[in-house]
């Protein structure tokens, strides 16, 4: 197929592309599809609005306001480790007592080895990270880590933004062998 296009002029390529598109079956847009498309252009994190809302246990309307505010740059503060920024959020009833928020790390940033003191659940909203356990999570994927589940991770080439519900905190290993740094919401 690519050899065919090598032999066509630019105008012929456009004509072929138009003919291919014209031959596609028409599809009726999903209800609310236009609004979702426009919202995703304004804030790409809303592509995962339903997953985010479920994670933090709030209505989609409240979740969208949270994501819009954070995406606009509001409320980000330095996290407990270098290269990590966070937004603290108030989740719904099932998150009471947990640290709820967003975490942002730049390209190639490393979150050092740590152990979970409680269950942690995340939804990746942008970018991705490679986990020391040998897998990668990218935008739209989620995971849950259990108590005592040690790991580290490295943000991908475009960094990462993820939503998190963290219960009981984490214990970050001291590279010098001293006691771990315990981080709680």
N, C-alpha and C. Protein backbone atom coordinates (compact mmCIF):
# COMPACT_ATOMS: atom_id res chain seq x y z
N UNK A 1 0.81 -1.19 0.00
CA UNK A 1 0.00 0.00 0.00
C UNK A 1 0.86 1.26 0.00
N UNK A 2 1.95 1.27 0.77
CA UNK A 2 2.78 2.48 0.83
C UNK A 2 3.44 2.76 -0.51
N UNK A 3 3.73 1.70 -1.32
CA UNK A 3 4.31 1.94 -2.64
C UNK A 3 3.33 2.65 -3.55
N UNK A 4 2.06 2.39 -3.39
CA UNK A 4 1.05 3.07 -4.20
C UNK A 4 1.12 4.56 -3.94
N UNK A 5 1.19 4.94 -2.66
CA UNK A 5 1.22 6.36 -2.32
C UNK A 5 2.51 7.04 -2.78
N UNK A 6 3.59 6.30 -2.89
CA UNK A 6 4.85 6.87 -3.38
C UNK A 6 4.71 7.35 -4.81
N UNK A 7 3.82 6.73 -5.58
CA UNK A 7 3.66 7.06 -6.98
C UNK A 7 2.61 8.14 -7.22
N UNK A 8 1.90 8.58 -6.18
CA UNK A 8 0.84 9.57 -6.34
C UNK A 8 1.34 10.98 -6.07
N UNK A 9 0.74 11.94 -6.74
CA UNK A 9 1.03 13.33 -6.45
C UNK A 9 0.29 13.71 -5.17
N UNK A 10 0.59 14.87 -4.64
CA UNK A 10 -0.07 15.33 -3.42
C UNK A 10 -1.58 15.45 -3.63
N UNK A 11 -2.00 15.96 -4.77
CA UNK A 11 -3.44 16.09 -5.04
C UNK A 11 -4.11 14.73 -5.17
N UNK A 12 -3.40 13.79 -5.79
CA UNK A 12 -3.96 12.44 -5.90
C UNK A 12 -4.07 11.78 -4.53
N UNK A 13 -3.09 12.01 -3.65
CA UNK A 13 -3.16 11.46 -2.29
C UNK A 13 -4.39 11.98 -1.56
N UNK A 14 -4.66 13.27 -1.71
CA UNK A 14 -5.84 13.87 -1.06
C UNK A 14 -7.11 13.24 -1.62
N UNK A 15 -7.17 13.05 -2.93
CA UNK A 15 -8.36 12.45 -3.55
C UNK A 15 -8.58 11.03 -3.05
N UNK A 16 -7.50 10.26 -2.93
CA UNK A 16 -7.61 8.89 -2.42
C UNK A 16 -8.08 8.91 -0.97
N UNK A 17 -7.49 9.77 -0.15
CA UNK A 17 -7.89 9.87 1.26
C UNK A 17 -9.36 10.27 1.37
N UNK A 18 -9.80 11.24 0.56
CA UNK A 18 -11.21 11.64 0.58
C UNK A 18 -12.12 10.48 0.21
N UNK A 19 -11.73 9.70 -0.79
CA UNK A 19 -12.54 8.56 -1.22
C UNK A 19 -12.62 7.51 -0.11
N UNK A 20 -11.50 7.28 0.58
CA UNK A 20 -11.50 6.32 1.69
C UNK A 20 -12.42 6.77 2.81
N UNK A 21 -12.34 8.05 3.17
CA UNK A 21 -13.19 8.58 4.23
C UNK A 21 -14.65 8.52 3.82
N UNK A 22 -14.95 8.85 2.57
CA UNK A 22 -16.33 8.83 2.09
C UNK A 22 -16.91 7.43 2.16
N UNK A 23 -16.07 6.42 2.05
CA UNK A 23 -16.54 5.05 2.10
C UNK A 23 -16.77 4.50 3.49
N UNK A 24 -16.41 5.26 4.51
CA UNK A 24 -16.62 4.80 5.88
C UNK A 24 -18.09 4.89 6.24
N UNK A 25 -18.60 3.93 7.02
CA UNK A 25 -20.00 4.02 7.44
C UNK A 25 -20.17 5.20 8.41
N UNK A 26 -21.31 5.85 8.30
CA UNK A 26 -21.56 6.95 9.23
C UNK A 26 -21.98 6.37 10.57
N UNK A 27 -21.61 7.06 11.61
CA UNK A 27 -21.96 6.61 12.96
C UNK A 27 -22.64 7.75 13.70
N UNK A 28 -23.65 7.40 14.45
CA UNK A 28 -24.36 8.40 15.24
C UNK A 28 -23.51 8.69 16.49
N UNK A 29 -23.24 9.96 16.76
CA UNK A 29 -22.44 10.30 17.94
C UNK A 29 -23.12 9.84 19.23
N UNK A 30 -22.31 9.46 20.18
CA UNK A 30 -22.83 9.04 21.49
C UNK A 30 -23.44 10.24 22.20
N UNK A 31 -24.48 10.02 23.01
CA UNK A 31 -25.06 11.13 23.77
C UNK A 31 -23.99 11.78 24.64
N UNK A 32 -23.92 13.08 24.61
CA UNK A 32 -22.94 13.79 25.41
C UNK A 32 -21.53 13.72 24.85
N UNK A 33 -21.38 13.10 23.67
CA UNK A 33 -20.05 12.94 23.08
C UNK A 33 -19.37 14.25 22.77
N UNK A 34 -20.14 15.21 22.26
CA UNK A 34 -19.55 16.52 21.93
C UNK A 34 -19.02 17.18 23.19
N UNK A 35 -19.81 17.15 24.26
CA UNK A 35 -19.39 17.77 25.52
C UNK A 35 -18.13 17.09 26.06
N UNK A 36 -18.08 15.75 25.98
CA UNK A 36 -16.90 15.03 26.45
C UNK A 36 -15.67 15.37 25.61
N UNK A 37 -15.86 15.47 24.29
CA UNK A 37 -14.74 15.82 23.42
C UNK A 37 -14.22 17.21 23.73
N UNK A 38 -15.12 18.17 23.88
CA UNK A 38 -14.69 19.53 24.20
C UNK A 38 -14.02 19.61 25.57
N UNK A 39 -14.54 18.87 26.54
CA UNK A 39 -13.93 18.86 27.87
C UNK A 39 -12.54 18.24 27.82
N UNK A 40 -12.38 17.19 27.02
CA UNK A 40 -11.08 16.53 26.92
C UNK A 40 -10.04 17.43 26.26
N UNK A 41 -10.49 18.27 25.34
CA UNK A 41 -9.57 19.21 24.72
C UNK A 41 -9.14 20.26 25.73
N UNK A 42 -10.10 20.73 26.54
CA UNK A 42 -9.79 21.74 27.56
C UNK A 42 -8.93 21.15 28.66
N UNK A 43 -9.21 19.92 29.08
CA UNK A 43 -8.48 19.26 30.15
C UNK A 43 -8.39 17.77 29.80
N UNK A 44 -7.26 17.31 29.28
CA UNK A 44 -7.17 15.91 28.84
C UNK A 44 -7.38 14.90 29.96
N UNK A 45 -7.23 15.32 31.20
CA UNK A 45 -7.42 14.37 32.30
C UNK A 45 -8.86 13.91 32.42
N UNK A 46 -9.82 14.68 31.91
CA UNK A 46 -11.22 14.28 32.05
C UNK A 46 -11.56 13.08 31.19
N UNK A 47 -10.65 12.63 30.33
CA UNK A 47 -10.89 11.38 29.60
C UNK A 47 -11.13 10.24 30.57
N UNK A 48 -10.58 10.36 31.76
CA UNK A 48 -10.68 9.30 32.76
C UNK A 48 -11.53 9.74 33.94
N UNK A 49 -12.47 10.63 33.67
CA UNK A 49 -13.31 11.22 34.71
C UNK A 49 -14.04 10.17 35.52
N UNK A 50 -14.66 9.21 34.88
CA UNK A 50 -15.44 8.19 35.60
C UNK A 50 -14.54 7.38 36.54
N UNK A 51 -13.36 7.01 36.06
CA UNK A 51 -12.44 6.23 36.91
C UNK A 51 -11.95 7.07 38.09
N UNK A 52 -11.63 8.34 37.79
CA UNK A 52 -11.17 9.24 38.85
C UNK A 52 -12.27 9.45 39.88
N UNK A 53 -13.49 9.73 39.43
CA UNK A 53 -14.61 9.96 40.34
C UNK A 53 -14.85 8.73 41.23
N UNK A 54 -14.78 7.54 40.64
CA UNK A 54 -14.98 6.32 41.42
C UNK A 54 -13.86 6.13 42.44
N UNK A 55 -12.63 6.40 42.04
CA UNK A 55 -11.49 6.25 42.95
C UNK A 55 -11.63 7.15 44.16
N UNK A 56 -11.95 8.42 43.94
CA UNK A 56 -11.99 9.37 45.05
C UNK A 56 -13.39 9.47 45.67
N UNK A 57 -14.34 8.70 45.13
CA UNK A 57 -15.69 8.56 45.69
C UNK A 57 -16.44 9.90 45.74
N UNK A 58 -16.46 10.58 44.59
CA UNK A 58 -17.25 11.81 44.46
C UNK A 58 -18.04 11.72 43.16
N UNK A 59 -19.01 12.61 42.99
CA UNK A 59 -19.80 12.63 41.76
C UNK A 59 -18.93 13.08 40.60
N UNK A 60 -19.30 12.72 39.39
CA UNK A 60 -18.53 13.19 38.22
C UNK A 60 -18.43 14.71 38.14
N UNK A 61 -19.46 15.43 38.53
CA UNK A 61 -19.40 16.90 38.50
C UNK A 61 -18.32 17.43 39.45
N UNK A 62 -18.29 16.89 40.67
CA UNK A 62 -17.28 17.31 41.65
C UNK A 62 -15.90 16.90 41.16
N UNK A 63 -15.79 15.69 40.62
CA UNK A 63 -14.50 15.21 40.11
C UNK A 63 -13.99 16.09 38.98
N UNK A 64 -14.88 16.50 38.09
CA UNK A 64 -14.45 17.36 36.98
C UNK A 64 -13.94 18.70 37.49
N UNK A 65 -14.60 19.28 38.48
CA UNK A 65 -14.13 20.54 39.05
C UNK A 65 -12.76 20.36 39.70
N UNK A 66 -12.55 19.24 40.38
CA UNK A 66 -11.24 18.96 40.99
C UNK A 66 -10.15 18.89 39.92
N UNK A 67 -10.42 18.16 38.84
CA UNK A 67 -9.43 17.99 37.79
C UNK A 67 -9.17 19.30 37.05
N UNK A 68 -10.22 20.07 36.79
CA UNK A 68 -10.04 21.35 36.11
C UNK A 68 -9.17 22.29 36.93
N UNK A 69 -9.44 22.34 38.23
CA UNK A 69 -8.67 23.23 39.10
C UNK A 69 -7.19 22.80 39.14
N UNK A 70 -6.95 21.51 39.27
CA UNK A 70 -5.57 21.01 39.33
C UNK A 70 -4.86 21.17 38.00
N UNK A 71 -5.56 20.90 36.89
CA UNK A 71 -4.94 21.01 35.57
C UNK A 71 -4.57 22.46 35.27
N UNK A 72 -5.34 23.39 35.81
CA UNK A 72 -5.05 24.81 35.62
C UNK A 72 -3.86 25.27 36.46
N UNK A 73 -3.36 24.39 37.33
CA UNK A 73 -2.18 24.72 38.11
C UNK A 73 -2.47 25.08 39.55
N UNK A 74 -3.72 25.12 39.94
CA UNK A 74 -4.07 25.50 41.30
C UNK A 74 -3.73 24.38 42.29
N UNK A 75 -3.28 24.79 43.45
CA UNK A 75 -3.13 23.90 44.62
C UNK A 75 -1.96 22.92 44.59
N UNK A 76 -1.10 22.94 43.57
CA UNK A 76 0.05 22.04 43.57
C UNK A 76 1.07 22.53 44.58
N UNK A 77 1.59 21.62 45.37
CA UNK A 77 2.63 21.93 46.35
C UNK A 77 3.75 20.89 46.21
N UNK A 78 4.92 21.25 46.71
CA UNK A 78 6.02 20.28 46.70
C UNK A 78 5.64 19.09 47.56
N UNK A 79 5.94 17.92 47.06
CA UNK A 79 5.65 16.69 47.79
C UNK A 79 6.74 16.40 48.81
N UNK A 80 6.63 15.25 49.46
CA UNK A 80 7.59 14.90 50.50
C UNK A 80 8.96 14.50 49.96
N UNK A 81 9.06 14.30 48.65
CA UNK A 81 10.32 13.89 48.03
C UNK A 81 10.64 14.84 46.88
N UNK A 82 11.91 15.02 46.59
CA UNK A 82 12.34 15.90 45.50
C UNK A 82 11.74 15.42 44.18
N UNK A 83 11.28 16.38 43.36
CA UNK A 83 10.73 16.04 42.05
C UNK A 83 9.29 15.59 42.05
N UNK A 84 8.66 15.62 43.22
CA UNK A 84 7.27 15.18 43.33
C UNK A 84 6.42 16.37 43.78
N UNK A 85 5.35 16.64 43.03
CA UNK A 85 4.38 17.67 43.41
C UNK A 85 3.06 16.97 43.69
N UNK A 86 2.28 17.54 44.60
CA UNK A 86 1.01 16.92 44.96
C UNK A 86 -0.09 17.97 45.09
N UNK A 87 -1.31 17.51 44.92
CA UNK A 87 -2.51 18.28 45.23
C UNK A 87 -3.28 17.42 46.21
N UNK A 88 -3.58 17.95 47.37
CA UNK A 88 -4.39 17.22 48.35
C UNK A 88 -5.86 17.49 48.06
N UNK A 89 -6.66 16.44 48.06
CA UNK A 89 -8.08 16.54 47.75
C UNK A 89 -8.92 15.96 48.88
N UNK A 90 -10.17 16.36 48.92
CA UNK A 90 -11.13 15.77 49.86
C UNK A 90 -12.00 14.79 49.08
N UNK A 91 -11.85 13.54 49.38
CA UNK A 91 -12.64 12.51 48.71
C UNK A 91 -13.97 12.29 49.42
N UNK A 92 -14.71 11.32 48.94
CA UNK A 92 -16.01 10.99 49.49
C UNK A 92 -15.92 10.06 50.69
N UNK A 93 -17.07 9.54 51.13
CA UNK A 93 -17.15 8.75 52.36
C UNK A 93 -16.23 7.53 52.43
N UNK A 94 -16.01 6.86 51.31
CA UNK A 94 -15.16 5.65 51.37
C UNK A 94 -13.67 5.98 51.50
N UNK A 95 -13.32 7.26 51.39
CA UNK A 95 -11.92 7.65 51.49
C UNK A 95 -11.58 8.30 52.83
N UNK A 96 -12.53 8.33 53.73
CA UNK A 96 -12.28 8.95 55.03
C UNK A 96 -11.07 8.29 55.70
N UNK A 97 -10.15 9.11 56.16
CA UNK A 97 -8.94 8.62 56.81
C UNK A 97 -7.80 8.35 55.85
N UNK A 98 -8.06 8.42 54.55
CA UNK A 98 -7.02 8.17 53.55
C UNK A 98 -6.46 9.49 53.04
N UNK A 99 -5.26 9.44 52.49
CA UNK A 99 -4.68 10.58 51.80
C UNK A 99 -5.16 10.49 50.35
N UNK A 100 -5.90 11.50 49.92
CA UNK A 100 -6.49 11.52 48.58
C UNK A 100 -5.86 12.68 47.82
N UNK A 101 -5.41 12.43 46.59
CA UNK A 101 -4.83 13.54 45.85
C UNK A 101 -4.33 13.17 44.49
N UNK A 102 -3.60 14.11 43.93
CA UNK A 102 -2.93 13.94 42.65
C UNK A 102 -1.44 14.04 42.88
N UNK A 103 -0.68 13.27 42.12
CA UNK A 103 0.78 13.29 42.20
C UNK A 103 1.30 13.57 40.81
N UNK A 104 2.29 14.47 40.72
CA UNK A 104 2.90 14.82 39.43
C UNK A 104 4.41 14.66 39.57
N UNK A 105 5.00 13.99 38.57
CA UNK A 105 6.46 13.81 38.51
C UNK A 105 6.92 14.11 37.09
N UNK A 106 8.06 14.79 36.97
CA UNK A 106 8.62 15.12 35.67
C UNK A 106 9.24 13.91 34.99
N UNK A 107 9.55 14.08 33.73
CA UNK A 107 10.15 13.01 32.92
C UNK A 107 11.37 12.42 33.59
N UNK A 108 11.37 11.10 33.74
CA UNK A 108 12.51 10.39 34.30
C UNK A 108 12.66 10.47 35.80
N UNK A 109 11.77 11.20 36.48
CA UNK A 109 11.87 11.29 37.94
C UNK A 109 11.64 9.91 38.57
N UNK A 110 12.37 9.66 39.64
CA UNK A 110 12.30 8.36 40.30
C UNK A 110 11.65 8.51 41.67
N UNK A 111 10.65 7.68 41.94
CA UNK A 111 10.09 7.58 43.28
C UNK A 111 10.83 6.40 43.91
N UNK A 112 11.58 6.66 44.98
CA UNK A 112 12.51 5.64 45.50
C UNK A 112 11.79 4.43 46.11
N UNK A 113 12.57 3.39 46.41
CA UNK A 113 11.97 2.20 47.02
C UNK A 113 11.19 2.56 48.28
N UNK A 114 10.00 2.00 48.37
CA UNK A 114 9.14 2.24 49.54
C UNK A 114 8.21 1.05 49.72
N UNK A 115 7.66 0.98 50.92
CA UNK A 115 6.73 -0.09 51.27
C UNK A 115 5.41 0.54 51.69
N UNK A 116 4.33 -0.08 51.30
CA UNK A 116 3.00 0.44 51.64
C UNK A 116 2.57 -0.01 53.02
N UNK A 117 2.12 0.95 53.82
CA UNK A 117 1.65 0.65 55.17
C UNK A 117 0.15 0.37 55.17
N UNK A 118 -0.49 0.63 54.05
CA UNK A 118 -1.91 0.37 53.84
C UNK A 118 -2.14 0.22 52.35
N UNK A 119 -3.37 -0.04 51.98
CA UNK A 119 -3.70 -0.21 50.57
C UNK A 119 -3.59 1.12 49.84
N UNK A 120 -3.03 1.09 48.64
CA UNK A 120 -2.93 2.27 47.78
C UNK A 120 -3.60 1.92 46.45
N UNK A 121 -4.44 2.85 45.96
CA UNK A 121 -5.07 2.69 44.65
C UNK A 121 -4.77 3.92 43.83
N UNK A 122 -4.42 3.71 42.55
CA UNK A 122 -4.09 4.83 41.66
C UNK A 122 -4.80 4.69 40.33
N UNK A 123 -5.01 5.84 39.68
CA UNK A 123 -5.44 5.92 38.29
C UNK A 123 -4.49 6.90 37.61
N UNK A 124 -3.82 6.46 36.56
CA UNK A 124 -2.90 7.33 35.83
C UNK A 124 -3.73 8.22 34.90
N UNK A 125 -3.53 9.54 35.03
CA UNK A 125 -4.28 10.50 34.23
C UNK A 125 -3.51 11.00 33.02
N UNK A 126 -2.19 11.03 33.10
CA UNK A 126 -1.36 11.49 31.99
C UNK A 126 0.02 10.85 32.08
N UNK A 127 0.63 10.61 30.94
CA UNK A 127 1.97 10.02 30.94
C UNK A 127 1.94 8.57 31.40
N UNK A 128 2.96 8.21 32.17
CA UNK A 128 3.03 6.85 32.66
C UNK A 128 4.27 6.64 33.50
N UNK A 129 4.40 5.45 34.05
CA UNK A 129 5.59 5.11 34.83
C UNK A 129 5.92 3.64 34.69
N UNK A 130 7.21 3.36 34.84
CA UNK A 130 7.71 1.99 34.82
C UNK A 130 7.94 1.57 36.26
N UNK A 131 7.32 0.49 36.66
CA UNK A 131 7.43 -0.01 38.03
C UNK A 131 8.59 -0.99 38.14
N UNK A 132 9.22 -1.00 39.31
CA UNK A 132 10.34 -1.92 39.55
C UNK A 132 9.91 -3.38 39.48
N UNK A 133 8.60 -3.64 39.56
CA UNK A 133 8.10 -5.01 39.46
C UNK A 133 8.07 -5.49 38.01
N UNK A 134 8.47 -4.61 37.06
CA UNK A 134 8.62 -5.06 35.69
C UNK A 134 7.46 -4.72 34.76
N UNK A 135 6.58 -3.84 35.12
CA UNK A 135 5.48 -3.47 34.24
C UNK A 135 5.41 -1.95 34.14
N UNK A 136 4.65 -1.49 33.17
CA UNK A 136 4.45 -0.07 32.95
C UNK A 136 2.97 0.24 33.01
N UNK A 137 2.64 1.35 33.65
CA UNK A 137 1.26 1.85 33.66
C UNK A 137 1.24 3.14 32.86
N UNK A 138 0.21 3.30 32.03
CA UNK A 138 0.06 4.52 31.22
C UNK A 138 -1.32 5.11 31.46
N UNK A 139 -1.52 6.31 30.91
CA UNK A 139 -2.77 7.04 31.10
C UNK A 139 -3.98 6.14 30.86
N UNK A 140 -4.89 6.17 31.83
CA UNK A 140 -6.11 5.38 31.76
C UNK A 140 -6.03 4.07 32.53
N UNK A 141 -4.83 3.65 32.89
CA UNK A 141 -4.70 2.39 33.63
C UNK A 141 -4.68 2.66 35.13
N UNK A 142 -5.00 1.62 35.88
CA UNK A 142 -5.03 1.76 37.34
C UNK A 142 -4.41 0.52 37.97
N UNK A 143 -4.09 0.67 39.24
CA UNK A 143 -3.58 -0.46 40.00
C UNK A 143 -3.86 -0.24 41.47
N UNK A 144 -3.76 -1.31 42.22
CA UNK A 144 -3.91 -1.25 43.66
C UNK A 144 -2.76 -2.04 44.26
N UNK A 145 -2.13 -1.46 45.27
CA UNK A 145 -1.00 -2.12 45.94
C UNK A 145 -1.42 -2.43 47.37
N UNK A 146 -0.98 -3.54 47.86
CA UNK A 146 -1.38 -4.03 49.18
C UNK A 146 -0.35 -3.66 50.25
N UNK A 147 -0.71 -3.84 51.49
CA UNK A 147 0.16 -3.59 52.63
C UNK A 147 1.44 -4.40 52.47
N UNK A 148 2.59 -3.74 52.73
CA UNK A 148 3.87 -4.43 52.68
C UNK A 148 4.37 -4.71 51.28
N UNK A 149 3.77 -4.09 50.30
CA UNK A 149 4.13 -4.34 48.90
C UNK A 149 5.23 -3.36 48.48
N UNK A 150 6.52 -3.75 48.56
CA UNK A 150 7.60 -2.81 48.25
C UNK A 150 7.81 -2.65 46.75
N UNK A 151 8.16 -1.43 46.34
CA UNK A 151 8.48 -1.16 44.94
C UNK A 151 9.03 0.25 44.82
N UNK A 152 9.47 0.58 43.62
CA UNK A 152 9.84 1.94 43.24
C UNK A 152 9.33 2.11 41.82
N UNK A 153 9.34 3.33 41.32
CA UNK A 153 8.92 3.53 39.94
C UNK A 153 9.57 4.78 39.37
N UNK A 154 9.63 4.80 38.02
CA UNK A 154 10.26 5.90 37.29
C UNK A 154 9.26 6.46 36.30
N UNK A 155 9.07 7.79 36.36
CA UNK A 155 8.17 8.45 35.42
C UNK A 155 8.68 8.29 34.00
N UNK A 156 7.76 8.19 33.06
CA UNK A 156 8.10 8.02 31.66
C UNK A 156 8.66 9.29 31.02
N UNK A 157 8.86 9.22 29.72
CA UNK A 157 9.47 10.31 28.96
C UNK A 157 8.67 11.61 29.00
N UNK A 158 7.38 11.51 29.28
CA UNK A 158 6.53 12.70 29.35
C UNK A 158 6.08 12.99 30.78
N UNK A 159 6.73 12.36 31.73
CA UNK A 159 6.33 12.52 33.13
C UNK A 159 5.09 11.69 33.41
N UNK A 160 4.50 11.96 34.57
CA UNK A 160 3.28 11.24 34.96
C UNK A 160 2.45 12.10 35.90
N UNK A 161 1.16 11.99 35.77
CA UNK A 161 0.21 12.55 36.73
C UNK A 161 -0.73 11.41 37.07
N UNK A 162 -0.88 11.13 38.36
CA UNK A 162 -1.83 10.09 38.76
C UNK A 162 -2.61 10.51 39.98
N UNK A 163 -3.82 9.98 40.05
CA UNK A 163 -4.67 10.17 41.22
C UNK A 163 -4.39 9.02 42.17
N UNK A 164 -4.44 9.32 43.47
CA UNK A 164 -4.10 8.29 44.45
C UNK A 164 -5.02 8.38 45.67
N UNK A 165 -5.36 7.22 46.18
CA UNK A 165 -5.99 7.09 47.49
C UNK A 165 -5.05 6.18 48.27
N UNK A 166 -4.41 6.76 49.29
CA UNK A 166 -3.38 6.06 50.05
C UNK A 166 -3.82 5.94 51.50
N UNK A 167 -3.91 4.74 51.96
CA UNK A 167 -4.31 4.48 53.35
C UNK A 167 -3.07 4.16 54.18
N UNK A 168 -2.94 4.80 55.30
CA UNK A 168 -1.88 4.56 56.29
C UNK A 168 -0.50 5.07 55.90
N UNK A 169 -0.26 5.42 54.64
CA UNK A 169 1.01 6.00 54.24
C UNK A 169 1.99 4.99 53.66
N UNK A 170 3.22 5.46 53.53
CA UNK A 170 4.30 4.64 53.00
C UNK A 170 5.56 4.83 53.85
N UNK A 171 6.44 3.88 53.78
CA UNK A 171 7.75 3.97 54.43
C UNK A 171 8.81 3.94 53.33
N UNK A 172 9.48 5.08 53.14
CA UNK A 172 10.49 5.21 52.08
C UNK A 172 11.83 4.78 52.64
N UNK A 173 12.46 3.85 51.94
CA UNK A 173 13.76 3.33 52.38
C UNK A 173 14.82 4.42 52.38
N UNK A 174 15.67 4.42 53.41
CA UNK A 174 16.80 5.35 53.48
C UNK A 174 17.97 4.71 52.76
N UNK A 175 18.48 5.35 51.69
CA UNK A 175 19.58 4.74 50.94
C UNK A 175 20.83 4.53 51.79
N UNK A 176 20.96 5.28 52.88
CA UNK A 176 22.13 5.14 53.75
C UNK A 176 21.93 4.02 54.78
N UNK A 177 20.78 3.37 54.74
CA UNK A 177 20.52 2.25 55.66
C UNK A 177 19.90 2.64 56.98
N UNK A 178 19.60 3.91 57.15
CA UNK A 178 18.95 4.36 58.39
C UNK A 178 17.47 3.98 58.40
N UNK A 179 16.76 4.49 59.39
CA UNK A 179 15.33 4.17 59.47
C UNK A 179 14.59 4.80 58.29
N UNK A 180 13.50 4.16 57.85
CA UNK A 180 12.75 4.68 56.70
C UNK A 180 12.04 5.98 57.05
N UNK A 181 11.81 6.79 56.03
CA UNK A 181 11.01 8.01 56.16
C UNK A 181 9.56 7.60 56.01
N UNK A 182 8.77 7.79 57.06
CA UNK A 182 7.35 7.44 56.99
C UNK A 182 6.58 8.67 56.53
N UNK A 183 5.83 8.48 55.45
CA UNK A 183 5.04 9.58 54.87
C UNK A 183 3.57 9.22 55.03
N UNK A 184 2.86 10.09 55.72
CA UNK A 184 1.41 9.93 55.89
C UNK A 184 0.77 11.20 55.41
N UNK A 185 -0.46 11.08 54.87
CA UNK A 185 -1.21 12.23 54.36
C UNK A 185 -1.09 13.40 55.21
